[in-house]
């Protein structure tokens, strides 16, 4: 929701994080998909 607020309402990242009570580190986090994780995810369908 914070990212949507920043994109659509032109609110600063700092203000959005404060409003949604999250850290800026959390806001900027992007998970990294690693090849081994994809293999493990496929185990579920076996």
PDB file of N, CA and C in Angstrom:
ATOM      1  N   UNK A   1       0.820  -1.178   0.000  1.00  0.00           N
ATOM      2  CA  UNK A   1       0.000   0.000   0.000  1.00  0.00           C
ATOM      3  C   UNK A   1       0.869   1.248   0.000  1.00  0.00           C
ATOM      4  N   UNK A   2       2.019   1.168   0.681  1.00  0.00           N
ATOM      5  CA  UNK A   2       2.911   2.331   0.720  1.00  0.00           C
ATOM      6  C   UNK A   2       3.448   2.634  -0.675  1.00  0.00           C
ATOM      7  N   UNK A   3       3.820   1.598  -1.413  1.00  0.00           N
ATOM      8  CA  UNK A   3       4.332   1.812  -2.775  1.00  0.00           C
ATOM      9  C   UNK A   3       3.256   2.404  -3.673  1.00  0.00           C
ATOM     10  N   UNK A   4       2.037   1.962  -3.499  1.00  0.00           N
ATOM     11  CA  UNK A   4       0.938   2.510  -4.299  1.00  0.00           C
ATOM     12  C   UNK A   4       0.729   3.983  -3.963  1.00  0.00           C
ATOM     13  N   UNK A   5       0.819   4.321  -2.694  1.00  0.00           N
ATOM     14  CA  UNK A   5       0.654   5.714  -2.283  1.00  0.00           C
ATOM     15  C   UNK A   5       1.753   6.593  -2.881  1.00  0.00           C
ATOM     16  N   UNK A   6       2.968   6.086  -2.890  1.00  0.00           N
ATOM     17  CA  UNK A   6       4.084   6.848  -3.447  1.00  0.00           C
ATOM     18  C   UNK A   6       3.890   7.047  -4.950  1.00  0.00           C
ATOM     19  N   UNK A   7       3.463   5.992  -5.643  1.00  0.00           N
ATOM     20  CA  UNK A   7       3.268   6.083  -7.096  1.00  0.00           C
ATOM     21  C   UNK A   7       2.097   6.991  -7.460  1.00  0.00           C
ATOM     22  N   UNK A   8       0.959   6.781  -6.857  1.00  0.00           N
ATOM     23  CA  UNK A   8      -0.244   7.471  -7.313  1.00  0.00           C
ATOM     24  C   UNK A   8      -0.489   8.831  -6.655  1.00  0.00           C
ATOM     25  N   UNK A   9      -0.133   8.960  -5.425  1.00  0.00           N
ATOM     26  CA  UNK A   9      -0.433  10.201  -4.705  1.00  0.00           C
ATOM     27  C   UNK A   9       0.750  11.158  -4.643  1.00  0.00           C
ATOM     28  N   UNK A  10       1.874  10.709  -5.132  1.00  0.00           N
ATOM     29  CA  UNK A  10       3.097  11.523  -5.106  1.00  0.00           C
ATOM     30  C   UNK A  10       3.485  11.921  -3.682  1.00  0.00           C
ATOM     31  N   UNK A  11       3.373  10.952  -2.808  1.00  0.00           N
ATOM     32  CA  UNK A  11       3.774  11.111  -1.413  1.00  0.00           C
ATOM     33  C   UNK A  11       5.224  10.654  -1.313  1.00  0.00           C
ATOM     34  N   UNK A  12       6.003  11.252  -0.451  1.00  0.00           N
ATOM     35  CA  UNK A  12       7.390  10.829  -0.293  1.00  0.00           C
ATOM     36  C   UNK A  12       7.443   9.435   0.325  1.00  0.00           C
ATOM     37  N   UNK A  13       8.518   8.744   0.077  1.00  0.00           N
ATOM     38  CA  UNK A  13       8.702   7.410   0.642  1.00  0.00           C
ATOM     39  C   UNK A  13       8.698   7.496   2.166  1.00  0.00           C
ATOM     40  N   UNK A  14       9.372   8.490   2.686  1.00  0.00           N
ATOM     41  CA  UNK A  14       9.446   8.651   4.142  1.00  0.00           C
ATOM     42  C   UNK A  14       8.055   8.833   4.753  1.00  0.00           C
ATOM     43  N   UNK A  15       7.247   9.681   4.141  1.00  0.00           N
ATOM     44  CA  UNK A  15       5.903   9.930   4.659  1.00  0.00           C
ATOM     45  C   UNK A  15       5.021   8.686   4.532  1.00  0.00           C
ATOM     46  N   UNK A  16       5.118   7.986   3.401  1.00  0.00           N
ATOM     47  CA  UNK A  16       4.327   6.767   3.214  1.00  0.00           C
ATOM     48  C   UNK A  16       4.703   5.710   4.248  1.00  0.00           C
ATOM     49  N   UNK A  17       6.000   5.552   4.489  1.00  0.00           N
ATOM     50  CA  UNK A  17       6.449   4.563   5.478  1.00  0.00           C
ATOM     51  C   UNK A  17       5.970   4.930   6.879  1.00  0.00           C
ATOM     52  N   UNK A  18       5.997   6.201   7.178  1.00  0.00           N
ATOM     53  CA  UNK A  18       5.506   6.660   8.486  1.00  0.00           C
ATOM     54  C   UNK A  18       4.006   6.400   8.607  1.00  0.00           C
ATOM     55  N   UNK A  19       3.256   6.690   7.557  1.00  0.00           N
ATOM     56  CA  UNK A  19       1.802   6.518   7.584  1.00  0.00           C
ATOM     57  C   UNK A  19       1.397   5.053   7.728  1.00  0.00           C
ATOM     58  N   UNK A  20       2.166   4.160   7.096  1.00  0.00           N
ATOM     59  CA  UNK A  20       1.832   2.735   7.141  1.00  0.00           C
ATOM     60  C   UNK A  20       2.663   1.978   8.171  1.00  0.00           C
ATOM     61  N   UNK A  21       3.397   2.708   8.980  1.00  0.00           N
ATOM     62  CA  UNK A  21       4.249   2.180  10.058  1.00  0.00           C
ATOM     63  C   UNK A  21       5.128   1.015   9.596  1.00  0.00           C
ATOM     64  N   UNK A  22       5.879   1.281   8.540  1.00  0.00           N
ATOM     65  CA  UNK A  22       6.886   0.316   8.080  1.00  0.00           C
ATOM     66  C   UNK A  22       8.213   1.056   7.946  1.00  0.00           C
ATOM     67  N   UNK A  23       9.297   0.316   7.993  1.00  0.00           N
ATOM     68  CA  UNK A  23      10.608   0.944   7.832  1.00  0.00           C
ATOM     69  C   UNK A  23      10.887   1.166   6.344  1.00  0.00           C
ATOM     70  N   UNK A  24      11.775   2.100   6.055  1.00  0.00           N
ATOM     71  CA  UNK A  24      12.154   2.327   4.663  1.00  0.00           C
ATOM     72  C   UNK A  24      12.892   1.120   4.102  1.00  0.00           C
ATOM     73  N   UNK A  25      13.585   0.385   4.952  1.00  0.00           N
ATOM     74  CA  UNK A  25      14.252  -0.847   4.521  1.00  0.00           C
ATOM     75  C   UNK A  25      13.217  -1.849   4.041  1.00  0.00           C
ATOM     76  N   UNK A  26      12.145  -1.990   4.776  1.00  0.00           N
ATOM     77  CA  UNK A  26      11.055  -2.891   4.387  1.00  0.00           C
ATOM     78  C   UNK A  26      10.429  -2.426   3.071  1.00  0.00           C
ATOM     79  N   UNK A  27      10.241  -1.133   2.933  1.00  0.00           N
ATOM     80  CA  UNK A  27       9.658  -0.564   1.714  1.00  0.00           C
ATOM     81  C   UNK A  27      10.507  -0.906   0.496  1.00  0.00           C
ATOM     82  N   UNK A  28      11.816  -0.806   0.638  1.00  0.00           N
ATOM     83  CA  UNK A  28      12.729  -0.993  -0.500  1.00  0.00           C
ATOM     84  C   UNK A  28      13.096  -2.452  -0.759  1.00  0.00           C
ATOM     85  N   UNK A  29      12.735  -3.363   0.135  1.00  0.00           N
ATOM     86  CA  UNK A  29      13.105  -4.773   0.002  1.00  0.00           C
ATOM     87  C   UNK A  29      12.497  -5.401  -1.242  1.00  0.00           C
ATOM     88  N   UNK A  30      13.323  -6.158  -1.971  1.00  0.00           N
ATOM     89  CA  UNK A  30      12.851  -6.953  -3.098  1.00  0.00           C
ATOM     90  C   UNK A  30      13.444  -8.347  -2.950  1.00  0.00           C
ATOM     91  N   UNK A  31      12.596  -9.352  -2.938  1.00  0.00           N
ATOM     92  CA  UNK A  31      13.088 -10.717  -2.787  1.00  0.00           C
ATOM     93  C   UNK A  31      13.851 -11.129  -4.035  1.00  0.00           C
ATOM     94  N   UNK A  32      14.792 -12.028  -3.850  1.00  0.00           N
ATOM     95  CA  UNK A  32      15.616 -12.506  -4.951  1.00  0.00           C
ATOM     96  C   UNK A  32      15.256 -13.963  -5.212  1.00  0.00           C
ATOM     97  N   UNK A  33      14.779 -14.253  -6.399  1.00  0.00           N
ATOM     98  CA  UNK A  33      14.439 -15.626  -6.766  1.00  0.00           C
ATOM     99  C   UNK A  33      15.711 -16.336  -7.197  1.00  0.00           C
ATOM    100  N   UNK A  34      16.027 -17.393  -6.510  1.00  0.00           N
ATOM    101  CA  UNK A  34      17.215 -18.159  -6.848  1.00  0.00           C
ATOM    102  C   UNK A  34      16.771 -19.458  -7.499  1.00  0.00           C
ATOM    103  N   UNK A  35      17.571 -19.980  -8.442  1.00  0.00           N
ATOM    104  CA  UNK A  35      17.188 -21.194  -9.177  1.00  0.00           C
ATOM    105  C   UNK A  35      16.816 -22.368  -8.272  1.00  0.00           C
ATOM    106  N   UNK A  36      17.525 -22.544  -7.168  1.00  0.00           N
ATOM    107  CA  UNK A  36      17.224 -23.668  -6.285  1.00  0.00           C
ATOM    108  C   UNK A  36      15.850 -23.513  -5.636  1.00  0.00           C
ATOM    109  N   UNK A  37      15.401 -22.292  -5.408  1.00  0.00           N
ATOM    110  CA  UNK A  37      14.073 -22.077  -4.836  1.00  0.00           C
ATOM    111  C   UNK A  37      12.983 -22.515  -5.810  1.00  0.00           C
ATOM    112  N   UNK A  38      13.208 -22.306  -7.092  1.00  0.00           N
ATOM    113  CA  UNK A  38      12.239 -22.725  -8.106  1.00  0.00           C
ATOM    114  C   UNK A  38      12.125 -24.250  -8.132  1.00  0.00           C
ATOM    115  N   UNK A  39      13.242 -24.935  -7.985  1.00  0.00           N
ATOM    116  CA  UNK A  39      13.238 -26.402  -7.961  1.00  0.00           C
ATOM    117  C   UNK A  39      12.459 -26.901  -6.745  1.00  0.00           C
ATOM    118  N   UNK A  40      12.706 -26.301  -5.607  1.00  0.00           N
ATOM    119  CA  UNK A  40      12.008 -26.693  -4.380  1.00  0.00           C
ATOM    120  C   UNK A  40      10.513 -26.424  -4.509  1.00  0.00           C
ATOM    121  N   UNK A  41      10.133 -25.326  -5.120  1.00  0.00           N
ATOM    122  CA  UNK A  41       8.722 -25.013  -5.312  1.00  0.00           C
ATOM    123  C   UNK A  41       8.055 -26.059  -6.201  1.00  0.00           C
ATOM    124  N   UNK A  42       8.792 -26.606  -7.163  1.00  0.00           N
ATOM    125  CA  UNK A  42       8.240 -27.635  -8.043  1.00  0.00           C
ATOM    126  C   UNK A  42       8.033 -28.958  -7.323  1.00  0.00           C
ATOM    127  N   UNK A  43       8.736 -29.202  -6.207  1.00  0.00           N
ATOM    128  CA  UNK A  43       8.564 -30.439  -5.453  1.00  0.00           C
ATOM    129  C   UNK A  43       7.138 -30.587  -4.955  1.00  0.00           C
ATOM    130  N   UNK A  44       6.498 -29.485  -4.709  1.00  0.00           N
ATOM    131  CA  UNK A  44       5.137 -29.494  -4.190  1.00  0.00           C
ATOM    132  C   UNK A  44       4.156 -30.139  -5.170  1.00  0.00           C
ATOM    133  N   UNK A  45       4.468 -30.040  -6.451  1.00  0.00           N
ATOM    134  CA  UNK A  45       3.553 -30.581  -7.462  1.00  0.00           C
ATOM    135  C   UNK A  45       3.823 -32.052  -7.776  1.00  0.00           C
ATOM    136  N   UNK A  46       4.847 -32.638  -7.159  1.00  0.00           N
ATOM    137  CA  UNK A  46       5.175 -34.060  -7.406  1.00  0.00           C
ATOM    138  C   UNK A  46       4.297 -34.963  -6.584  1.00  0.00           C
TER     139      UNK A  46
END
